[in-house]
Amino acid sequence: MKIRFLLLVCWNVIYKLIKNFKLLVKYAVCRSYFKIHNDSEINSPFVDLKARIGKKVRVDSDVIIRANTVIGDYTVINKEAVIESGSIGRFCSIAAEVAIGLGEHPLQLVSTHPAALWFSR
């Protein structure tokens, strides 16, 4: 009788753990995919799930999009583009093999051209 009771208690505990784990996994997956709109067409495996991608966005093959990127609605990103960081607006068309947000530059100067850096020294 005691063994049967213990098995029943253990079964209930295991069942609750599995149920809570399933809910946790479901919540994590929904939360991850929430930042990428369902209507978007993502054809690249290199898109970070933490990137915020609007609706009806098309991402071609071999495009790299990192986590700290925001892409507006109806934007098209062509093959082999790299977007490390930044915010891209709505209705934009990004060319193939372009690199966006790779480096930082000083904003306190008049220009970001390298000549401005030479004269500022």
C-alpha atoms as a PDB file:
ATOM      1  CA  MET A   1       0.000   0.000   0.000  1.00  0.00           C
ATOM      2  CA  LYS A   2       2.798   2.430   0.916  1.00  0.00           C
ATOM      3  CA  ILE A   3       4.714   1.606  -2.253  1.00  0.00           C
ATOM      4  CA  ARG A   4       1.643   2.233  -4.365  1.00  0.00           C
ATOM      5  CA  PHE A   5       1.104   5.584  -2.646  1.00  0.00           C
ATOM      6  CA  LEU A   6       4.758   6.554  -3.155  1.00  0.00           C
ATOM      7  CA  LEU A   7       4.564   5.603  -6.830  1.00  0.00           C
ATOM      8  CA  LEU A   8       1.444   7.693  -7.231  1.00  0.00           C
ATOM      9  CA  VAL A   9       3.107  10.702  -5.543  1.00  0.00           C
ATOM     10  CA  CYS A  10       6.253  10.287  -7.652  1.00  0.00           C
ATOM     11  CA  TRP A  11       4.156   9.982 -10.794  1.00  0.00           C
ATOM     12  CA  ASN A  12       2.302  13.213  -9.982  1.00  0.00           C
ATOM     13  CA  VAL A  13       5.555  15.070  -9.325  1.00  0.00           C
ATOM     14  CA  ILE A  14       7.105  13.811 -12.571  1.00  0.00           C
ATOM     15  CA  TYR A  15       3.958  14.680 -14.515  1.00  0.00           C
ATOM     16  CA  LYS A  16       3.952  18.245 -13.137  1.00  0.00           C
ATOM     17  CA  LEU A  17       7.657  18.675 -13.925  1.00  0.00           C
ATOM     18  CA  ILE A  18       7.153  17.502 -17.504  1.00  0.00           C
ATOM     19  CA  LYS A  19       4.102  19.710 -17.928  1.00  0.00           C
ATOM     20  CA  ASN A  20       5.939  22.767 -16.578  1.00  0.00           C
ATOM     21  CA  PHE A  21       8.953  21.988 -18.769  1.00  0.00           C
ATOM     22  CA  LYS A  22       6.723  21.792 -21.862  1.00  0.00           C
ATOM     23  CA  LEU A  23       5.153  25.142 -20.983  1.00  0.00           C
ATOM     24  CA  LEU A  24       8.578  26.662 -20.415  1.00  0.00           C
ATOM     25  CA  VAL A  25       9.864  25.392 -23.772  1.00  0.00           C
ATOM     26  CA  LYS A  26       6.702  26.558 -25.540  1.00  0.00           C
ATOM     27  CA  TYR A  27       7.041  30.017 -23.940  1.00  0.00           C
ATOM     28  CA  ALA A  28      10.726  30.258 -24.896  1.00  0.00           C
ATOM     29  CA  VAL A  29      10.046  29.267 -28.501  1.00  0.00           C
ATOM     30  CA  CYS A  30       7.105  31.657 -28.829  1.00  0.00           C
ATOM     31  CA  ARG A  31       9.113  34.464 -27.265  1.00  0.00           C
ATOM     32  CA  SER A  32      12.065  33.841 -29.612  1.00  0.00           C
ATOM     33  CA  TYR A  33       9.977  33.739 -32.750  1.00  0.00           C
ATOM     34  CA  PHE A  34       7.834  36.679 -31.696  1.00  0.00           C
ATOM     35  CA  LYS A  35      10.529  39.090 -32.876  1.00  0.00           C
ATOM     36  CA  ILE A  36      10.374  37.681 -36.409  1.00  0.00           C
ATOM     37  CA  HIS A  37       6.995  38.339 -38.017  1.00  0.00           C
ATOM     38  CA  ASN A  38       5.140  35.287 -39.350  1.00  0.00           C
ATOM     39  CA  ASP A  39       4.622  36.798 -42.820  1.00  0.00           C
ATOM     40  CA  SER A  40       8.364  37.223 -43.418  1.00  0.00           C
ATOM     41  CA  GLU A  41      10.250  34.961 -45.810  1.00  0.00           C
ATOM     42  CA  ILE A  42      13.598  33.986 -44.272  1.00  0.00           C
ATOM     43  CA  ASN A  43      15.759  31.914 -46.647  1.00  0.00           C
ATOM     44  CA  SER A  44      18.980  32.087 -44.663  1.00  0.00           C
ATOM     45  CA  PRO A  45      19.994  29.972 -41.669  1.00  0.00           C
ATOM     46  CA  PHE A  46      22.239  32.786 -40.400  1.00  0.00           C
ATOM     47  CA  VAL A  47      19.484  35.059 -39.067  1.00  0.00           C
ATOM     48  CA  ASP A  48      19.650  35.473 -35.303  1.00  0.00           C
ATOM     49  CA  LEU A  49      16.322  34.768 -33.625  1.00  0.00           C
ATOM     50  CA  LYS A  50      16.776  37.830 -31.419  1.00  0.00           C
ATOM     51  CA  ALA A  51      16.771  40.180 -34.416  1.00  0.00           C
ATOM     52  CA  ARG A  52      13.542  42.130 -34.824  1.00  0.00           C
ATOM     53  CA  ILE A  53      12.159  41.574 -38.307  1.00  0.00           C
ATOM     54  CA  GLY A  54       8.944  43.206 -39.502  1.00  0.00           C
ATOM     55  CA  LYS A  55       6.156  41.819 -41.635  1.00  0.00           C
ATOM     56  CA  LYS A  56       6.539  40.755 -45.270  1.00  0.00           C
ATOM     57  CA  VAL A  57      10.352  41.014 -45.093  1.00  0.00           C
ATOM     58  CA  ARG A  58      12.248  38.829 -47.577  1.00  0.00           C
ATOM     59  CA  VAL A  59      15.733  37.634 -46.662  1.00  0.00           C
ATOM     60  CA  ASP A  60      17.629  35.808 -49.432  1.00  0.00           C
ATOM     61  CA  SER A  61      20.141  32.990 -49.012  1.00  0.00           C
ATOM     62  CA  ASP A  62      23.399  33.340 -47.059  1.00  0.00           C
ATOM     63  CA  VAL A  63      22.382  36.637 -45.439  1.00  0.00           C
ATOM     64  CA  ILE A  64      23.826  37.193 -41.951  1.00  0.00           C
ATOM     65  CA  ILE A  65      21.690  39.201 -39.527  1.00  0.00           C
ATOM     66  CA  ARG A  66      22.865  39.606 -35.926  1.00  0.00           C
ATOM     67  CA  ALA A  67      20.802  40.022 -32.757  1.00  0.00           C
ATOM     68  CA  ASN A  68      20.994  43.795 -32.332  1.00  0.00           C
ATOM     69  CA  THR A  69      19.336  44.546 -35.682  1.00  0.00           C
ATOM     70  CA  VAL A  70      15.887  45.944 -36.460  1.00  0.00           C
ATOM     71  CA  ILE A  71      14.438  45.529 -39.951  1.00  0.00           C
ATOM     72  CA  GLY A  72      11.257  47.348 -40.953  1.00  0.00           C
ATOM     73  CA  ASP A  73       8.229  46.015 -42.806  1.00  0.00           C
ATOM     74  CA  TYR A  74       8.321  45.124 -46.524  1.00  0.00           C
ATOM     75  CA  THR A  75      12.123  45.258 -46.743  1.00  0.00           C
ATOM     76  CA  VAL A  76      14.107  43.014 -49.114  1.00  0.00           C
ATOM     77  CA  ILE A  77      17.637  41.888 -48.276  1.00  0.00           C
ATOM     78  CA  ASN A  78      19.483  40.269 -51.183  1.00  0.00           C
ATOM     79  CA  LYS A  79      22.045  37.454 -51.216  1.00  0.00           C
ATOM     80  CA  GLU A  80      25.117  37.371 -48.966  1.00  0.00           C
ATOM     81  CA  ALA A  81      24.470  40.683 -47.209  1.00  0.00           C
ATOM     82  CA  VAL A  82      25.874  41.098 -43.695  1.00  0.00           C
ATOM     83  CA  ILE A  83      23.996  43.209 -41.152  1.00  0.00           C
ATOM     84  CA  GLU A  84      25.814  43.331 -37.816  1.00  0.00           C
ATOM     85  CA  SER A  85      23.820  46.094 -36.160  1.00  0.00           C
ATOM     86  CA  GLY A  86      21.550  48.993 -36.905  1.00  0.00           C
ATOM     87  CA  SER A  87      18.016  49.809 -37.866  1.00  0.00           C
ATOM     88  CA  ILE A  88      16.734  49.481 -41.425  1.00  0.00           C
ATOM     89  CA  GLY A  89      13.484  51.223 -42.249  1.00  0.00           C
ATOM     90  CA  ARG A  90      10.358  50.106 -44.070  1.00  0.00           C
ATOM     91  CA  PHE A  91      10.187  49.494 -47.844  1.00  0.00           C
ATOM     92  CA  CYS A  92      13.987  49.279 -48.207  1.00  0.00           C
ATOM     93  CA  SER A  93      15.951  47.196 -50.685  1.00  0.00           C
ATOM     94  CA  ILE A  94      19.403  46.096 -49.532  1.00  0.00           C
ATOM     95  CA  ALA A  95      21.831  45.114 -52.311  1.00  0.00           C
ATOM     96  CA  ALA A  96      23.628  41.794 -52.528  1.00  0.00           C
ATOM     97  CA  GLU A  97      26.971  41.395 -50.734  1.00  0.00           C
ATOM     98  CA  VAL A  98      26.625  44.652 -48.779  1.00  0.00           C
ATOM     99  CA  ALA A  99      27.972  45.005 -45.226  1.00  0.00           C
ATOM    100  CA  ILE A 100      26.120  47.186 -42.719  1.00  0.00           C
ATOM    101  CA  GLY A 101      27.119  48.124 -39.171  1.00  0.00           C
ATOM    102  CA  LEU A 102      30.466  46.350 -39.035  1.00  0.00           C
ATOM    103  CA  GLY A 103      32.573  49.064 -37.447  1.00  0.00           C
ATOM    104  CA  GLU A 104      32.161  52.092 -35.277  1.00  0.00           C
ATOM    105  CA  HIS A 105      33.331  55.571 -36.103  1.00  0.00           C
ATOM    106  CA  PRO A 106      33.569  58.788 -34.090  1.00  0.00           C
ATOM    107  CA  LEU A 107      30.427  60.867 -34.173  1.00  0.00           C
ATOM    108  CA  GLN A 108      31.880  64.042 -32.650  1.00  0.00           C
ATOM    109  CA  LEU A 109      33.729  65.011 -35.868  1.00  0.00           C
ATOM    110  CA  VAL A 110      32.261  66.931 -38.791  1.00  0.00           C
ATOM    111  CA  SER A 111      32.654  63.944 -41.121  1.00  0.00           C
ATOM    112  CA  THR A 112      33.252  60.204 -40.806  1.00  0.00           C
ATOM    113  CA  HIS A 113      35.638  60.227 -43.778  1.00  0.00           C
ATOM    114  CA  PRO A 114      39.171  58.991 -42.899  1.00  0.00           C
ATOM    115  CA  ALA A 115      40.620  62.402 -43.863  1.00  0.00           C
ATOM    116  CA  ALA A 116      38.745  63.954 -40.936  1.00  0.00           C
ATOM    117  CA  LEU A 117      40.484  61.475 -38.631  1.00  0.00           C
ATOM    118  CA  TRP A 118      43.907  62.410 -40.047  1.00  0.00           C
ATOM    119  CA  PHE A 119      43.400  66.126 -39.398  1.00  0.00           C
ATOM    120  CA  SER A 120      41.934  65.631 -35.925  1.00  0.00           C
ATOM    121  CA  ARG A 121      45.184  64.202 -34.549  1.00  0.00           C
END
